[in-house]
Amino acid sequence: MKLVALRCPVCAQSLLPDEDETIVMSCGNCYTAVSINQHGINPTNIQFAAATTDEVNGWLPFWIFNARVNLSERKTQGGKKKIREAAAHFWATSRRLYVPAWEMPLKQAQAIGGNLVKKQPKFQPIDAPPATVIKAATVTSEDALKLLEFVVLSLEAERPDWLKSIQFNIEVSKSMLWAVPAIKKGAYNWQLLAQET
C-alpha cells in the first residue's frame, strides 16, 4: 500500500476530493485539473466545451470517444427488416460516444450517454475558463469503455422490435475527458449548456 499526500502538484494546496473514488478533480486554489491514481497526483489535460450562457453552475466530466460500433449479429422476435437496416445504418460510420464520468446511477448514465450518442453533438472546444472547478470524475477511461457497451445495448433495446440477442464490438480510435458546462435541475438532472461547432 502506498500513501500519497493529497496536495496539488502545482500550488501544493491540500486537495479535498468530493468522492472516495475520485480520479480527476480541480484544485480549489489554482484550478489546475489533476489526476489521482496509483502513480500519484499529476496535472492532467481536460478539454473544456464553450458555454451557450453565463448561467453555468457546474462543469461535468464526460469521456468522449471517437469509435465505430460493429454489429455482427442482431436477432429479434419479429425480424423486421426495416429496423434491422436502421440499426446497421446508424452504426455504419464512426460516431462520437459519450460516457458521463461523475458519480451517478448506472441507469441515469445510460440515458445521458444514449441521448448524446443519438444527437451526436460536437462541442466547441475552449481553453479552461478562469476559476473553473469541474465536478469530480470517478469513471476511468477503461471503465467508460465498459459502460459504452451498456449505452449501445440500451440504444438497441429501445428500437421498436423485440430484441432477442445482439453481438457487437466497439473499436475506439481516440478518447478525451471533456468538461461540459451545465446547470443543475435536480439530484441527478443536469441541462447541458455547451455550444456546438
Protein backbone atom coordinates (compact mmCIF):
# COMPACT_ATOMS: atom_id res chain seq x y z
CA MET A 1 0.00 0.00 0.00
CA LYS A 2 1.27 3.44 -0.89
CA LEU A 3 0.12 6.58 0.90
CA VAL A 4 0.09 9.76 -1.15
CA ALA A 5 -0.30 13.25 0.26
CA LEU A 6 -3.32 14.84 -1.41
CA ARG A 7 -1.70 18.09 -2.46
CA CYS A 8 -1.92 19.94 -5.74
CA PRO A 9 1.28 19.30 -7.73
CA VAL A 10 1.22 22.92 -8.95
CA CYS A 11 0.47 25.03 -5.83
CA ALA A 12 0.81 22.43 -3.00
CA GLN A 13 -2.68 23.25 -1.68
CA SER A 14 -4.47 20.36 0.08
CA LEU A 15 -6.96 18.58 -2.18
CA LEU A 16 -10.35 17.52 -0.85
CA PRO A 17 -11.97 15.03 -3.26
CA ASP A 18 -15.79 15.11 -3.42
CA GLU A 19 -15.98 11.32 -3.82
CA ASP A 20 -13.91 8.43 -2.45
CA GLU A 21 -13.35 7.13 -5.98
CA THR A 22 -12.23 10.48 -7.48
CA ILE A 23 -9.76 10.06 -10.35
CA VAL A 24 -9.78 13.63 -11.74
CA MET A 25 -10.63 16.85 -9.94
CA SER A 26 -9.79 20.55 -9.88
CA CYS A 27 -7.59 22.20 -7.29
CA GLY A 28 -9.78 24.65 -5.38
CA ASN A 29 -6.89 27.11 -5.13
CA CYS A 30 -5.19 27.29 -8.55
CA TYR A 31 -7.93 25.43 -10.52
CA THR A 32 -5.48 23.02 -12.13
CA ALA A 33 -7.08 19.75 -13.24
CA VAL A 34 -5.28 16.87 -11.53
CA SER A 35 -5.47 13.11 -11.86
CA ILE A 36 -5.24 10.84 -8.82
CA ASN A 37 -4.03 7.30 -9.45
CA GLN A 38 -1.54 4.67 -8.30
CA HIS A 39 1.31 6.77 -9.73
CA GLY A 40 0.42 9.78 -7.59
CA ILE A 41 -1.19 13.14 -8.26
CA ASN A 42 -0.36 14.87 -11.53
CA PRO A 43 -1.70 17.72 -13.66
CA THR A 44 -3.91 16.35 -16.44
CA ASN A 45 -5.43 17.64 -19.66
CA ILE A 46 -9.16 18.21 -19.88
CA GLN A 47 -10.84 19.74 -22.91
CA PHE A 48 -13.43 22.35 -21.98
CA ALA A 49 -16.56 22.99 -24.05
CA ALA A 50 -17.78 26.54 -24.69
CA ALA A 51 -20.96 27.54 -22.86
CA THR A 52 -24.09 28.95 -24.50
CA THR A 53 -24.81 31.18 -21.49
CA ASP A 54 -23.22 32.65 -18.36
CA GLU A 55 -25.71 30.78 -16.14
CA VAL A 56 -23.39 27.76 -15.77
CA ASN A 57 -23.28 26.34 -12.24
CA GLY A 58 -21.37 23.14 -12.96
CA TRP A 59 -18.75 21.64 -15.27
CA LEU A 60 -19.45 17.97 -15.85
CA PRO A 61 -16.76 15.47 -16.88
CA PHE A 62 -17.55 13.29 -19.91
CA TRP A 63 -15.42 10.72 -21.66
CA ILE A 64 -15.92 11.28 -25.39
CA PHE A 65 -14.71 8.54 -27.70
CA ASN A 66 -14.34 8.54 -31.47
CA ALA A 67 -15.39 4.99 -32.17
CA ARG A 68 -17.02 2.56 -34.51
CA VAL A 69 -19.60 0.02 -33.37
CA ASN A 70 -19.60 -3.16 -35.45
CA LEU A 71 -22.87 -5.09 -35.21
CA SER A 72 -22.06 -8.68 -36.08
CA GLU A 73 -25.46 -10.11 -35.12
CA ARG A 74 -28.84 -8.65 -34.18
CA LYS A 75 -31.67 -11.14 -33.67
CA THR A 76 -35.25 -10.12 -32.95
CA GLN A 77 -38.53 -11.92 -32.33
CA GLY A 78 -40.34 -10.28 -35.23
CA GLY A 79 -37.34 -9.89 -37.51
CA LYS A 80 -38.47 -6.55 -39.00
CA LYS A 81 -36.11 -5.83 -41.87
CA LYS A 82 -36.52 -2.02 -41.73
CA ILE A 83 -35.49 -1.85 -38.08
CA ARG A 84 -32.52 -4.15 -38.67
CA GLU A 85 -31.44 -1.95 -41.60
CA ALA A 86 -31.90 1.20 -39.49
CA ALA A 87 -29.63 -0.25 -36.80
CA ALA A 88 -26.99 -1.21 -39.39
CA HIS A 89 -27.20 2.27 -40.97
CA PHE A 90 -26.96 4.05 -37.58
CA TRP A 91 -23.73 2.25 -36.68
CA ALA A 92 -22.28 2.15 -40.24
CA THR A 93 -19.93 5.09 -39.68
CA SER A 94 -17.68 6.24 -36.87
CA ARG A 95 -19.51 8.09 -34.13
CA ARG A 96 -18.79 10.08 -31.03
CA LEU A 97 -19.73 8.01 -27.98
CA TYR A 98 -20.30 9.72 -24.64
CA VAL A 99 -20.00 8.45 -21.07
CA PRO A 100 -20.70 10.65 -18.04
CA ALA A 101 -17.63 10.40 -15.79
CA TRP A 102 -19.08 11.59 -12.48
CA GLU A 103 -20.82 9.56 -9.77
CA MET A 104 -24.40 8.65 -10.70
CA PRO A 105 -26.67 5.61 -11.00
CA LEU A 106 -25.95 3.36 -14.00
CA LYS A 107 -29.44 3.82 -15.46
CA GLN A 108 -29.00 7.61 -15.46
CA ALA A 109 -25.54 7.31 -17.07
CA GLN A 110 -27.00 5.06 -19.80
CA ALA A 111 -29.79 7.56 -20.51
CA ILE A 112 -27.48 10.58 -20.69
CA GLY A 113 -24.87 8.76 -22.78
CA GLY A 114 -27.53 7.28 -25.08
CA ASN A 115 -29.20 10.65 -25.71
CA LEU A 116 -25.86 12.22 -26.61
CA VAL A 117 -24.98 9.32 -28.93
CA LYS A 118 -28.29 9.83 -30.76
CA LYS A 119 -27.82 13.62 -31.05
CA GLN A 120 -24.08 13.49 -31.88
CA PRO A 121 -23.22 16.98 -30.61
CA LYS A 122 -19.73 18.21 -31.43
CA PHE A 123 -18.77 20.60 -28.66
CA GLN A 124 -16.90 23.84 -29.34
CA PRO A 125 -13.50 23.47 -27.59
CA ILE A 126 -12.12 26.34 -25.50
CA ASP A 127 -9.31 26.90 -23.01
CA ALA A 128 -10.23 26.38 -19.37
CA PRO A 129 -12.28 29.35 -18.16
CA PRO A 130 -10.73 31.21 -15.21
CA ALA A 131 -11.53 29.92 -11.71
CA THR A 132 -13.36 26.84 -13.02
CA VAL A 133 -13.83 23.78 -10.82
CA ILE A 134 -15.07 20.62 -12.54
CA LYS A 135 -17.28 18.04 -10.87
CA ALA A 136 -15.04 15.21 -9.69
CA ALA A 137 -14.61 12.42 -12.24
CA THR A 138 -14.95 8.90 -10.81
CA VAL A 139 -15.02 6.85 -14.03
CA THR A 140 -11.71 5.87 -15.63
CA SER A 141 -11.40 5.68 -19.41
CA GLU A 142 -11.18 1.88 -19.07
CA ASP A 143 -14.43 1.74 -17.08
CA ALA A 144 -16.02 4.16 -19.55
CA LEU A 145 -15.27 1.69 -22.34
CA LYS A 146 -17.18 -0.97 -20.40
CA LEU A 147 -20.09 1.44 -19.85
CA LEU A 148 -20.17 2.13 -23.60
CA GLU A 149 -21.35 -1.45 -24.09
CA PHE A 150 -24.36 -0.71 -21.86
CA VAL A 151 -25.05 2.51 -23.78
CA VAL A 152 -25.02 0.67 -27.13
CA LEU A 153 -27.12 -2.16 -25.73
CA SER A 154 -29.72 0.24 -24.29
CA LEU A 155 -29.95 2.12 -27.62
CA GLU A 156 -30.56 -1.12 -29.48
CA ALA A 157 -33.09 -2.32 -26.89
CA GLU A 158 -35.06 0.95 -27.39
CA ARG A 159 -35.75 0.12 -31.04
CA PRO A 160 -39.41 -0.82 -31.71
CA ASP A 161 -38.78 -4.52 -32.23
CA TRP A 162 -38.28 -7.36 -29.78
CA LEU A 163 -34.52 -7.63 -29.42
CA LYS A 164 -33.63 -11.23 -28.66
CA SER A 165 -29.83 -11.14 -28.85
CA ILE A 166 -27.09 -8.91 -30.14
CA GLN A 167 -23.38 -9.20 -30.71
CA PHE A 168 -21.13 -6.22 -31.38
CA ASN A 169 -17.69 -4.86 -30.74
CA ILE A 170 -16.51 -1.29 -30.27
CA GLU A 171 -13.34 -0.04 -31.98
CA VAL A 172 -12.08 3.11 -30.27
CA SER A 173 -9.67 5.36 -32.12
CA LYS A 174 -9.46 8.29 -29.69
CA SER A 175 -10.75 9.33 -26.27
CA MET A 176 -10.66 12.58 -24.32
CA LEU A 177 -12.02 13.79 -20.99
CA TRP A 178 -14.19 16.87 -21.55
CA ALA A 179 -15.64 19.36 -19.06
CA VAL A 180 -19.10 20.32 -20.30
CA PRO A 181 -20.95 23.37 -18.91
CA ALA A 182 -24.32 22.66 -17.30
CA ILE A 183 -26.96 23.89 -14.92
CA LYS A 184 -28.33 21.61 -12.19
CA LYS A 185 -32.04 20.75 -12.43
CA GLY A 186 -32.38 18.20 -9.59
CA ALA A 187 -30.46 15.46 -7.77
CA TYR A 188 -29.05 13.81 -10.92
CA ASN A 189 -30.62 16.04 -13.56
CA TRP A 190 -28.47 18.48 -15.43
CA GLN A 191 -29.12 20.57 -18.53
CA LEU A 192 -26.05 20.77 -20.74
CA LEU A 193 -25.25 24.28 -21.93
CA ALA A 194 -22.48 23.55 -24.44
CA GLN A 195 -22.02 25.30 -27.78
CA GLU A 196 -21.69 23.05 -30.77
CA THR A 197 -19.43 23.55 -33.78
